[in-house]
Amino acid sequence: MSAQGAESFLFPSVEWFRQLQESVNSDPEFRRLGNVDAVMGVKVDDQVFIITFEAFECTGVREGTEYDLIDADFFLEMSAVQWQDLVTNTRDNGGADLSHTLNTLDLMIDGGICQNATGDQLRADIFFRVNQSLQHFFDASASLNTVFED
């Protein structure tokens, strides 16, 4: 699992998402997957994070509010328990197994995990067009020493 003595990162937190940002920005595989121009929200219970992708990089990670989701192309929403299950599965398997991919979760969780605050289907569809890159982004968490609030 995690290396003993390695720095731990709390999920969810800006620092955790910034570690993913650093990881994919230095990963040629992420670039190979193609261009991503999207503003993605991540909603964990009442917490909101805004992650910006431009061209071949993740260019921004910040805390947000419900109001910020209006400007996001789409947001991924799950409970803290569901996110913890995803992150733990990703760590344990070196990447999400088939039942924990973003696409599978969107299909299997009632109402889906991908939402758009304005009902703009064209912006919401960006999730499906860049899904492989987004999966790679979250799979980068497999190498993090992630801890969760009790």
Protein backbone atom coordinates (compact mmCIF):
# COMPACT_ATOMS: atom_id res chain seq x y z
CA MET A 1 0.00 0.00 0.00
CA SER A 2 1.62 3.28 1.14
CA ALA A 3 5.24 3.71 1.98
CA GLN A 4 5.81 4.08 5.71
CA GLY A 5 6.77 7.65 6.56
CA ALA A 6 5.37 9.01 3.29
CA GLU A 7 3.48 12.28 3.49
CA SER A 8 -0.26 11.80 3.94
CA PHE A 9 -2.94 13.79 2.17
CA LEU A 10 -6.45 14.23 3.51
CA PHE A 11 -9.33 13.44 1.17
CA PRO A 12 -11.15 15.58 0.32
CA SER A 13 -8.84 18.60 0.32
CA VAL A 14 -7.26 21.08 -2.07
CA GLU A 15 -3.88 19.56 -1.21
CA TRP A 16 -5.07 16.08 -2.25
CA PHE A 17 -6.32 17.36 -5.61
CA ARG A 18 -3.10 19.38 -6.11
CA GLN A 19 -1.12 16.18 -5.73
CA LEU A 20 -3.16 14.69 -8.58
CA GLN A 21 -2.54 17.88 -10.58
CA GLU A 22 1.22 17.56 -10.11
CA SER A 23 1.11 13.87 -10.97
CA VAL A 24 -0.76 14.20 -14.28
CA ASN A 25 1.13 17.33 -15.33
CA SER A 26 4.38 15.37 -15.15
CA ASP A 27 2.92 12.22 -16.76
CA PRO A 28 3.40 11.85 -20.55
CA GLU A 29 0.55 9.30 -20.61
CA PHE A 30 -1.91 12.00 -19.53
CA ARG A 31 -0.75 14.15 -22.46
CA ARG A 32 -1.04 11.18 -24.84
CA LEU A 33 -4.71 10.77 -23.94
CA GLY A 34 -5.45 14.08 -25.65
CA ASN A 35 -6.57 17.61 -25.15
CA VAL A 36 -8.87 18.41 -22.21
CA ASP A 37 -10.53 21.81 -21.98
CA ALA A 38 -12.95 21.62 -19.10
CA VAL A 39 -13.85 23.04 -15.74
CA MET A 40 -14.86 20.15 -13.51
CA GLY A 41 -16.49 20.40 -10.13
CA VAL A 42 -16.11 17.67 -7.54
CA LYS A 43 -18.75 17.58 -4.84
CA VAL A 44 -18.18 15.50 -1.71
CA ASP A 45 -21.24 15.92 0.48
CA ASP A 46 -21.24 19.71 1.06
CA GLN A 47 -17.64 20.33 -0.03
CA VAL A 48 -16.94 21.61 -3.54
CA PHE A 49 -13.67 21.64 -5.46
CA ILE A 50 -13.12 23.23 -8.86
CA ILE A 51 -10.53 21.65 -11.14
CA THR A 52 -9.54 23.29 -14.42
CA PHE A 53 -7.98 21.53 -17.39
CA GLU A 54 -6.52 23.39 -20.35
CA ALA A 55 -5.00 21.61 -23.34
CA PHE A 56 -2.73 18.91 -21.90
CA GLU A 57 -2.55 20.07 -18.27
CA CYS A 58 -4.51 20.45 -15.11
CA THR A 59 -4.07 24.19 -14.61
CA GLY A 60 -6.04 24.86 -11.46
CA VAL A 61 -7.37 23.36 -8.26
CA ARG A 62 -9.31 25.35 -5.69
CA GLU A 63 -12.04 25.10 -3.12
CA GLY A 64 -15.39 26.23 -4.39
CA THR A 65 -19.00 26.73 -3.40
CA GLU A 66 -22.31 25.47 -4.72
CA TYR A 67 -22.51 28.72 -6.69
CA ASP A 68 -19.22 27.92 -8.50
CA LEU A 69 -20.82 24.78 -9.94
CA ILE A 70 -22.85 27.03 -12.27
CA ASP A 71 -19.63 27.92 -14.10
CA ALA A 72 -18.35 24.33 -14.23
CA ASP A 73 -18.93 22.34 -17.40
CA PHE A 74 -19.98 19.44 -15.19
CA PHE A 75 -19.48 18.21 -11.67
CA LEU A 76 -19.06 14.78 -10.15
CA GLU A 77 -21.17 14.31 -7.06
CA MET A 78 -21.04 11.49 -4.55
CA SER A 79 -21.29 11.14 -0.80
CA ALA A 80 -18.11 11.07 1.29
CA VAL A 81 -18.63 7.32 1.79
CA GLN A 82 -18.91 6.72 -1.98
CA TRP A 83 -15.82 8.84 -2.68
CA GLN A 84 -13.89 7.01 0.03
CA ASP A 85 -14.86 3.70 -1.55
CA LEU A 86 -13.63 4.95 -4.95
CA VAL A 87 -10.32 6.31 -3.61
CA THR A 88 -9.67 3.19 -1.49
CA ASN A 89 -10.44 0.90 -4.42
CA THR A 90 -8.14 2.92 -6.67
CA ARG A 91 -5.30 2.70 -4.13
CA ASP A 92 -5.80 -1.02 -3.52
CA ASN A 93 -5.85 -1.87 -7.23
CA GLY A 94 -3.31 0.61 -8.61
CA GLY A 95 -6.23 2.26 -10.44
CA ALA A 96 -9.98 1.90 -10.33
CA ASP A 97 -11.27 -1.60 -10.99
CA LEU A 98 -14.08 -1.96 -13.52
CA SER A 99 -16.82 -1.45 -10.95
CA HIS A 100 -15.25 1.81 -9.72
CA THR A 101 -14.51 3.71 -12.92
CA LEU A 102 -16.15 7.10 -13.29
CA ASN A 103 -18.15 5.83 -16.25
CA THR A 104 -19.41 2.75 -14.37
CA LEU A 105 -20.31 4.79 -11.30
CA ASP A 106 -22.20 7.26 -13.49
CA LEU A 107 -24.22 4.38 -14.92
CA MET A 108 -24.75 2.46 -11.68
CA ILE A 109 -25.47 5.15 -9.08
CA ASP A 110 -29.07 6.30 -9.13
CA GLY A 111 -29.21 9.60 -11.05
CA GLY A 112 -25.56 9.27 -12.10
CA ILE A 113 -22.53 11.06 -10.66
CA CYS A 114 -22.08 13.53 -13.51
CA GLN A 115 -24.26 16.61 -13.18
CA ASN A 116 -24.53 20.04 -14.78
CA ALA A 117 -25.86 22.88 -12.62
CA THR A 118 -27.50 24.70 -15.54
CA GLY A 119 -28.94 21.78 -17.49
CA ASP A 120 -26.60 22.54 -20.42
CA GLN A 121 -26.26 19.10 -22.02
CA LEU A 122 -23.46 20.17 -24.38
CA ARG A 123 -21.27 21.15 -21.43
CA ALA A 124 -22.28 18.06 -19.48
CA ASP A 125 -21.28 15.86 -22.43
CA ILE A 126 -17.67 17.02 -22.05
CA PHE A 127 -17.43 14.48 -19.23
CA PHE A 128 -18.02 11.65 -21.68
CA ARG A 129 -15.67 13.05 -24.33
CA VAL A 130 -12.73 13.36 -21.92
CA ASN A 131 -13.65 10.51 -19.59
CA GLN A 132 -10.43 8.58 -20.19
CA SER A 133 -8.31 11.58 -19.17
CA LEU A 134 -10.46 12.18 -16.09
CA GLN A 135 -10.14 8.53 -15.13
CA HIS A 136 -6.36 8.85 -15.47
CA PHE A 137 -6.50 11.94 -13.23
CA PHE A 138 -8.30 10.06 -10.45
CA ASP A 139 -6.23 6.89 -10.97
CA ALA A 140 -3.16 8.99 -10.13
CA SER A 141 -4.41 8.89 -6.54
CA ALA A 142 -3.31 5.23 -6.33
CA SER A 143 0.19 6.43 -5.47
CA LEU A 144 -0.91 8.86 -2.75
CA ASN A 145 -0.92 8.08 0.94
CA THR A 146 -4.56 9.13 1.37
CA VAL A 147 -6.20 9.50 4.75
CA PHE A 148 -9.85 10.17 5.49
CA GLU A 149 -11.61 12.08 8.24
CA ASP A 150 -13.18 9.82 10.84
